[in-house]
Amino acid sequence: MAYWSRITYEKTTYIIDLDTISAFSSELDNKRITFWLPNSSQPIILNPQGNQEAYKQILEYIKKTVERNSKGSWIKVNYDRKDFAIDLSRISSFASEQNGRLISFCLPDSATNIIIMREGNSDDYQKIQEYIKTMTGHSLP
């Protein structure tokens, strides 16, 4: 089911199916939300000062999407002083060091590589490990 939204960003108006977005990044200190347009890697960066209506709309969408997470694929991860909401079902590969201390993956449609360390972020590390095992039948060390 599509969730279409109209957003003006940098003098361009976009009509975007938000259900096609695989990850959102939010920075609490400067109140920015970033997401990447599908198949283009172009970031859209919103803040309440520049576009309050679009910012509010996207923030509400993120809340509803993560809360209604029936598939269990959306997770929230804190990485690099940002909160990410990520749809793990859109990640095509996961990697881990031989000692299993970290899991890394690249966000689709962006060049952002997420690295989750077992010691520093054990809850998120465990959620990702469980997702990988459930969805692929494989486990990382």
N, C-alpha and C. Protein backbone atom coordinates (compact mmCIF):
# COMPACT_ATOMS: atom_id res chain seq x y z
N MET A 1 0.84 -1.18 0.00
CA MET A 1 0.00 0.00 0.00
C MET A 1 0.88 1.24 0.00
N ALA A 2 0.65 2.14 -0.89
CA ALA A 2 1.46 3.35 -1.02
C ALA A 2 1.03 4.41 0.00
N TYR A 3 2.00 5.17 0.45
CA TYR A 3 1.76 6.30 1.35
C TYR A 3 2.41 7.52 0.70
N TRP A 4 1.64 8.18 -0.17
CA TRP A 4 2.17 9.28 -0.96
C TRP A 4 2.21 10.57 -0.14
N SER A 5 3.29 11.30 -0.33
CA SER A 5 3.48 12.57 0.38
C SER A 5 4.04 13.60 -0.59
N ARG A 6 3.59 14.83 -0.44
CA ARG A 6 4.10 15.93 -1.26
C ARG A 6 5.02 16.78 -0.40
N ILE A 7 6.27 16.94 -0.86
CA ILE A 7 7.29 17.65 -0.08
C ILE A 7 8.02 18.62 -1.01
N THR A 8 8.20 19.84 -0.53
CA THR A 8 9.03 20.80 -1.25
C THR A 8 10.37 20.87 -0.54
N TYR A 9 11.43 20.66 -1.33
CA TYR A 9 12.79 20.67 -0.79
C TYR A 9 13.70 21.34 -1.80
N GLU A 10 14.42 22.34 -1.36
CA GLU A 10 15.33 23.10 -2.23
C GLU A 10 14.67 23.52 -3.54
N LYS A 11 13.55 24.15 -3.42
CA LYS A 11 12.81 24.74 -4.56
C LYS A 11 12.27 23.71 -5.55
N THR A 12 12.26 22.45 -5.16
CA THR A 12 11.70 21.40 -6.00
C THR A 12 10.59 20.70 -5.21
N THR A 13 9.48 20.44 -5.87
CA THR A 13 8.37 19.72 -5.23
C THR A 13 8.45 18.26 -5.65
N TYR A 14 8.42 17.39 -4.64
CA TYR A 14 8.47 15.94 -4.86
C TYR A 14 7.16 15.33 -4.39
N ILE A 15 6.72 14.33 -5.10
CA ILE A 15 5.64 13.47 -4.62
C ILE A 15 6.29 12.10 -4.45
N ILE A 16 6.35 11.65 -3.19
CA ILE A 16 7.15 10.48 -2.83
C ILE A 16 6.27 9.45 -2.15
N ASP A 17 6.40 8.20 -2.55
CA ASP A 17 5.77 7.10 -1.82
C ASP A 17 6.68 6.78 -0.64
N LEU A 18 6.32 7.22 0.54
CA LEU A 18 7.16 7.03 1.72
C LEU A 18 7.38 5.56 2.05
N ASP A 19 6.47 4.70 1.61
CA ASP A 19 6.64 3.26 1.85
C ASP A 19 7.82 2.69 1.07
N THR A 20 8.36 3.43 0.11
CA THR A 20 9.53 2.95 -0.64
C THR A 20 10.84 3.39 -0.01
N ILE A 21 10.78 4.20 1.02
CA ILE A 21 11.99 4.67 1.70
C ILE A 21 12.45 3.57 2.66
N SER A 22 13.74 3.24 2.61
CA SER A 22 14.26 2.13 3.40
C SER A 22 14.86 2.55 4.74
N ALA A 23 15.19 3.83 4.89
CA ALA A 23 15.79 4.28 6.15
C ALA A 23 15.61 5.79 6.32
N PHE A 24 15.47 6.17 7.56
CA PHE A 24 15.38 7.58 7.94
C PHE A 24 16.42 7.82 9.03
N SER A 25 17.04 8.98 9.00
CA SER A 25 18.00 9.36 10.03
C SER A 25 17.48 10.63 10.69
N SER A 26 17.53 10.66 12.01
CA SER A 26 17.14 11.89 12.70
C SER A 26 18.21 12.28 13.70
N GLU A 27 18.47 13.56 13.75
CA GLU A 27 19.44 14.11 14.67
C GLU A 27 18.69 14.96 15.68
N LEU A 28 18.70 14.53 16.92
CA LEU A 28 17.91 15.21 17.94
C LEU A 28 18.46 16.58 18.30
N ASP A 29 19.79 16.73 18.26
CA ASP A 29 20.37 18.00 18.68
C ASP A 29 20.04 19.14 17.72
N ASN A 30 20.02 18.90 16.41
CA ASN A 30 19.69 19.97 15.48
C ASN A 30 18.36 19.73 14.75
N LYS A 31 17.62 18.73 15.18
CA LYS A 31 16.27 18.44 14.68
C LYS A 31 16.22 18.33 13.16
N ARG A 32 17.07 17.50 12.60
CA ARG A 32 17.05 17.24 11.16
C ARG A 32 16.61 15.81 10.92
N ILE A 33 15.84 15.62 9.87
CA ILE A 33 15.47 14.29 9.39
C ILE A 33 16.03 14.16 7.98
N THR A 34 16.73 13.05 7.75
CA THR A 34 17.29 12.78 6.42
C THR A 34 16.75 11.45 5.92
N PHE A 35 16.41 11.41 4.64
CA PHE A 35 16.11 10.14 3.98
C PHE A 35 16.59 10.26 2.54
N TRP A 36 16.72 9.14 1.87
CA TRP A 36 17.28 9.10 0.54
C TRP A 36 16.23 8.63 -0.45
N LEU A 37 16.12 9.36 -1.54
CA LEU A 37 15.15 8.98 -2.56
C LEU A 37 15.53 7.64 -3.18
N PRO A 38 14.56 6.78 -3.39
CA PRO A 38 14.84 5.46 -3.96
C PRO A 38 15.49 5.56 -5.34
N ASN A 39 16.45 4.69 -5.57
CA ASN A 39 17.12 4.56 -6.86
C ASN A 39 17.88 5.81 -7.30
N SER A 40 18.19 6.71 -6.37
CA SER A 40 18.92 7.90 -6.79
C SER A 40 20.01 8.31 -5.81
N SER A 41 19.96 7.87 -4.61
CA SER A 41 20.86 8.22 -3.51
C SER A 41 20.86 9.71 -3.19
N GLN A 42 19.86 10.43 -3.67
CA GLN A 42 19.74 11.85 -3.34
C GLN A 42 19.12 12.00 -1.96
N PRO A 43 19.81 12.70 -1.05
CA PRO A 43 19.24 12.89 0.27
C PRO A 43 18.23 14.04 0.29
N ILE A 44 17.21 13.87 1.07
CA ILE A 44 16.26 14.93 1.39
C ILE A 44 16.48 15.21 2.88
N ILE A 45 16.79 16.45 3.21
CA ILE A 45 17.08 16.82 4.59
C ILE A 45 16.07 17.87 5.01
N LEU A 46 15.28 17.53 6.03
CA LEU A 46 14.23 18.43 6.50
C LEU A 46 14.50 18.87 7.93
N ASN A 47 14.12 20.10 8.23
CA ASN A 47 14.14 20.58 9.61
C ASN A 47 12.89 21.42 9.83
N PRO A 48 12.48 21.60 11.09
CA PRO A 48 11.24 22.32 11.34
C PRO A 48 11.31 23.79 10.93
N GLN A 49 12.49 24.39 10.92
CA GLN A 49 12.60 25.79 10.55
C GLN A 49 12.41 25.99 9.04
N GLY A 50 12.92 25.06 8.25
CA GLY A 50 12.86 25.20 6.80
C GLY A 50 11.56 24.74 6.18
N ASN A 51 10.97 23.70 6.74
CA ASN A 51 9.75 23.14 6.18
C ASN A 51 9.00 22.40 7.28
N GLN A 52 8.35 23.14 8.12
CA GLN A 52 7.71 22.58 9.30
C GLN A 52 6.66 21.52 8.98
N GLU A 53 5.84 21.77 7.96
CA GLU A 53 4.77 20.83 7.64
C GLU A 53 5.34 19.48 7.16
N ALA A 54 6.31 19.52 6.25
CA ALA A 54 6.91 18.29 5.75
C ALA A 54 7.66 17.57 6.86
N TYR A 55 8.39 18.31 7.69
CA TYR A 55 9.11 17.73 8.82
C TYR A 55 8.15 16.99 9.74
N LYS A 56 7.06 17.63 10.09
CA LYS A 56 6.05 17.02 10.98
C LYS A 56 5.43 15.78 10.34
N GLN A 57 5.14 15.87 9.06
CA GLN A 57 4.55 14.75 8.33
C GLN A 57 5.48 13.53 8.31
N ILE A 58 6.76 13.75 8.04
CA ILE A 58 7.72 12.65 7.98
C ILE A 58 7.94 12.08 9.38
N LEU A 59 8.05 12.93 10.37
CA LEU A 59 8.23 12.46 11.75
C LEU A 59 7.05 11.57 12.18
N GLU A 60 5.85 11.98 11.84
CA GLU A 60 4.66 11.18 12.16
C GLU A 60 4.66 9.85 11.40
N TYR A 61 5.08 9.88 10.14
CA TYR A 61 5.16 8.65 9.35
C TYR A 61 6.15 7.67 9.99
N ILE A 62 7.30 8.17 10.41
CA ILE A 62 8.31 7.31 11.05
C ILE A 62 7.74 6.66 12.30
N LYS A 63 7.08 7.45 13.14
CA LYS A 63 6.48 6.91 14.37
C LYS A 63 5.49 5.80 14.04
N LYS A 64 4.58 6.07 13.13
CA LYS A 64 3.55 5.08 12.77
C LYS A 64 4.16 3.84 12.15
N THR A 65 5.16 4.01 11.32
CA THR A 65 5.77 2.87 10.62
C THR A 65 6.49 1.95 11.60
N VAL A 66 7.27 2.51 12.48
CA VAL A 66 8.00 1.69 13.44
C VAL A 66 7.04 1.04 14.43
N GLU A 67 5.99 1.76 14.83
CA GLU A 67 5.01 1.21 15.78
C GLU A 67 4.18 0.09 15.17
N ARG A 68 3.82 0.20 13.91
CA ARG A 68 2.98 -0.83 13.27
C ARG A 68 3.81 -1.94 12.66
N ASN A 69 5.00 -2.03 13.05
CA ASN A 69 6.01 -2.93 12.50
C ASN A 69 5.59 -4.39 12.61
N SER A 70 4.61 -4.79 11.84
CA SER A 70 4.07 -6.15 11.94
C SER A 70 5.05 -7.21 11.44
N LYS A 71 5.87 -6.88 10.44
CA LYS A 71 6.83 -7.84 9.90
C LYS A 71 8.05 -7.99 10.80
N GLY A 72 8.26 -7.04 11.69
CA GLY A 72 9.43 -7.09 12.54
C GLY A 72 10.70 -6.66 11.84
N SER A 73 10.57 -6.02 10.67
CA SER A 73 11.76 -5.66 9.93
C SER A 73 12.24 -4.24 10.22
N TRP A 74 11.38 -3.37 10.72
CA TRP A 74 11.79 -2.00 11.05
C TRP A 74 12.39 -1.98 12.45
N ILE A 75 13.57 -1.41 12.56
CA ILE A 75 14.19 -1.25 13.87
C ILE A 75 14.71 0.18 14.00
N LYS A 76 14.88 0.59 15.23
CA LYS A 76 15.53 1.86 15.52
C LYS A 76 16.92 1.55 16.04
N VAL A 77 17.91 2.27 15.51
CA VAL A 77 19.30 2.07 15.88
C VAL A 77 19.94 3.43 16.13
N ASN A 78 20.71 3.53 17.19
CA ASN A 78 21.47 4.74 17.42
C ASN A 78 22.88 4.48 16.91
N TYR A 79 23.30 5.31 15.95
CA TYR A 79 24.61 5.14 15.34
C TYR A 79 25.17 6.50 14.96
N ASP A 80 26.40 6.76 15.32
CA ASP A 80 27.10 7.99 14.94
C ASP A 80 26.32 9.23 15.37
N ARG A 81 25.82 9.22 16.59
CA ARG A 81 25.05 10.30 17.21
C ARG A 81 23.76 10.64 16.46
N LYS A 82 23.22 9.66 15.74
CA LYS A 82 21.96 9.83 15.03
C LYS A 82 21.07 8.64 15.33
N ASP A 83 19.78 8.87 15.32
CA ASP A 83 18.82 7.78 15.43
C ASP A 83 18.37 7.40 14.03
N PHE A 84 18.51 6.13 13.70
CA PHE A 84 18.10 5.62 12.40
C PHE A 84 16.89 4.72 12.58
N ALA A 85 15.91 4.87 11.71
CA ALA A 85 14.81 3.91 11.58
C ALA A 85 15.09 3.19 10.27
N ILE A 86 15.30 1.88 10.34
CA ILE A 86 15.77 1.12 9.18
C ILE A 86 14.86 -0.08 8.93
N ASP A 87 14.49 -0.27 7.68
CA ASP A 87 13.75 -1.45 7.26
C ASP A 87 14.76 -2.52 6.86
N LEU A 88 15.03 -3.45 7.76
CA LEU A 88 16.04 -4.47 7.51
C LEU A 88 15.70 -5.37 6.32
N SER A 89 14.42 -5.44 5.96
CA SER A 89 14.05 -6.29 4.82
C SER A 89 14.59 -5.74 3.51
N ARG A 90 15.05 -4.50 3.51
CA ARG A 90 15.60 -3.90 2.29
C ARG A 90 17.13 -3.97 2.24
N ILE A 91 17.73 -4.53 3.28
CA ILE A 91 19.18 -4.68 3.30
C ILE A 91 19.52 -5.98 2.57
N SER A 92 20.44 -5.90 1.62
CA SER A 92 20.73 -7.08 0.80
C SER A 92 21.95 -7.86 1.27
N SER A 93 22.76 -7.30 2.19
CA SER A 93 23.88 -8.07 2.72
C SER A 93 24.29 -7.53 4.09
N PHE A 94 24.75 -8.44 4.91
CA PHE A 94 25.26 -8.13 6.24
C PHE A 94 26.66 -8.73 6.33
N ALA A 95 27.53 -8.08 7.07
CA ALA A 95 28.89 -8.60 7.24
C ALA A 95 29.27 -8.55 8.71
N SER A 96 30.20 -9.41 9.09
CA SER A 96 30.68 -9.45 10.46
C SER A 96 32.15 -9.83 10.46
N GLU A 97 32.89 -9.31 11.45
CA GLU A 97 34.27 -9.74 11.63
C GLU A 97 34.27 -11.19 12.09
N GLN A 98 35.38 -11.85 11.92
CA GLN A 98 35.49 -13.26 12.31
C GLN A 98 35.19 -13.45 13.80
N ASN A 99 35.58 -12.48 14.62
CA ASN A 99 35.34 -12.60 16.06
C ASN A 99 33.91 -12.21 16.46
N GLY A 100 33.11 -11.76 15.50
CA GLY A 100 31.70 -11.46 15.76
C GLY A 100 31.45 -10.21 16.58
N ARG A 101 32.44 -9.36 16.73
CA ARG A 101 32.27 -8.16 17.55
C ARG A 101 31.40 -7.10 16.91
N LEU A 102 31.21 -7.16 15.60
CA LEU A 102 30.40 -6.14 14.94
C LEU A 102 29.65 -6.72 13.76
N ILE A 103 28.59 -6.01 13.40
CA ILE A 103 27.81 -6.31 12.20
C ILE A 103 27.79 -5.02 11.39
N SER A 104 28.01 -5.12 10.09
CA SER A 104 27.93 -3.93 9.25
C SER A 104 27.03 -4.19 8.06
N PHE A 105 26.41 -3.14 7.58
CA PHE A 105 25.58 -3.19 6.39
C PHE A 105 25.45 -1.78 5.83
N CYS A 106 25.16 -1.69 4.56
CA CYS A 106 25.02 -0.41 3.88
C CYS A 106 23.54 -0.12 3.67
N LEU A 107 23.15 1.11 3.94
CA LEU A 107 21.75 1.50 3.72
C LEU A 107 21.50 1.62 2.23
N PRO A 108 20.41 1.03 1.75
CA PRO A 108 20.08 1.16 0.34
C PRO A 108 19.87 2.63 -0.03
N ASP A 109 20.18 2.98 -1.24
CA ASP A 109 19.98 4.32 -1.78
C ASP A 109 20.83 5.39 -1.10
N SER A 110 21.82 4.99 -0.33
CA SER A 110 22.74 5.97 0.26
C SER A 110 24.11 5.31 0.38
N ALA A 111 25.08 6.10 0.68
CA ALA A 111 26.43 5.56 0.86
C ALA A 111 26.75 5.37 2.34
N THR A 112 25.72 5.35 3.16
CA THR A 112 25.91 5.23 4.60
C THR A 112 26.11 3.79 5.00
N ASN A 113 27.24 3.50 5.62
CA ASN A 113 27.53 2.17 6.13
C ASN A 113 27.30 2.20 7.64
N ILE A 114 26.46 1.31 8.13
CA ILE A 114 26.14 1.23 9.55
C ILE A 114 26.98 0.11 10.16
N ILE A 115 27.65 0.40 11.27
CA ILE A 115 28.45 -0.60 11.98
C ILE A 115 27.94 -0.65 13.42
N ILE A 116 27.42 -1.81 13.80
CA ILE A 116 26.88 -2.00 15.14
C ILE A 116 27.83 -2.92 15.90
N MET A 117 28.35 -2.42 17.01
CA MET A 117 29.29 -3.22 17.81
C MET A 117 28.54 -3.89 18.96
N ARG A 118 28.87 -5.14 19.19
CA ARG A 118 28.23 -5.91 20.26
C ARG A 118 28.43 -5.25 21.61
N GLU A 119 29.64 -4.75 21.88
CA GLU A 119 29.95 -4.17 23.19
C GLU A 119 29.25 -2.83 23.40
N GLY A 120 29.18 -1.99 22.38
CA GLY A 120 28.65 -0.65 22.56
C GLY A 120 27.16 -0.52 22.35
N ASN A 121 26.56 -1.47 21.66
CA ASN A 121 25.14 -1.36 21.32
C ASN A 121 24.52 -2.75 21.30
N SER A 122 24.58 -3.42 22.43
CA SER A 122 24.21 -4.83 22.50
C SER A 122 22.75 -5.12 22.16
N ASP A 123 21.82 -4.23 22.53
CA ASP A 123 20.40 -4.47 22.21
C ASP A 123 20.16 -4.47 20.71
N ASP A 124 20.68 -3.44 20.02
CA ASP A 124 20.50 -3.36 18.57
C ASP A 124 21.26 -4.49 17.87
N TYR A 125 22.44 -4.81 18.37
CA TYR A 125 23.24 -5.91 17.82
C TYR A 125 22.43 -7.21 17.88
N GLN A 126 21.79 -7.47 19.01
CA GLN A 126 21.01 -8.69 19.18
C GLN A 126 19.78 -8.70 18.28
N LYS A 127 19.09 -7.56 18.15
CA LYS A 127 17.92 -7.47 17.27
C LYS A 127 18.30 -7.80 15.82
N ILE A 128 19.43 -7.27 15.39
CA ILE A 128 19.88 -7.52 14.02
C ILE A 128 20.28 -8.98 13.84
N GLN A 129 20.98 -9.55 14.82
CA GLN A 129 21.35 -10.97 14.76
C GLN A 129 20.10 -11.85 14.66
N GLU A 130 19.08 -11.55 15.47
CA GLU A 130 17.85 -12.34 15.44
C GLU A 130 17.15 -12.20 14.09
N TYR A 131 17.12 -11.00 13.56
CA TYR A 131 16.50 -10.78 12.26
C TYR A 131 17.22 -11.60 11.18
N ILE A 132 18.53 -11.53 11.16
CA ILE A 132 19.32 -12.27 10.17
C ILE A 132 19.03 -13.77 10.27
N LYS A 133 19.04 -14.32 11.48
CA LYS A 133 18.78 -15.75 11.69
C LYS A 133 17.38 -16.13 11.24
N THR A 134 16.38 -15.32 11.61
CA THR A 134 14.98 -15.61 11.26
C THR A 134 14.75 -15.53 9.76
N MET A 135 15.27 -14.50 9.12
CA MET A 135 14.96 -14.27 7.72
C MET A 135 15.83 -15.06 6.75
N THR A 136 17.07 -15.34 7.13
CA THR A 136 17.99 -16.01 6.19
C THR A 136 18.26 -17.46 6.55
N GLY A 137 18.05 -17.81 7.80
CA GLY A 137 18.40 -19.16 8.26
C GLY A 137 19.89 -19.27 8.56
N HIS A 138 20.62 -18.21 8.39
CA HIS A 138 22.06 -18.19 8.65
C HIS A 138 22.35 -17.30 9.85
N SER A 139 23.52 -17.47 10.42
CA SER A 139 23.93 -16.58 11.50
C SER A 139 25.35 -16.09 11.24
N LEU A 140 25.62 -14.94 11.78
CA LEU A 140 26.97 -14.39 11.69
C LEU A 140 27.71 -14.76 12.97
N PRO A 141 29.04 -14.86 12.88
CA PRO A 141 29.79 -15.27 14.08
C PRO A 141 29.56 -14.35 15.25
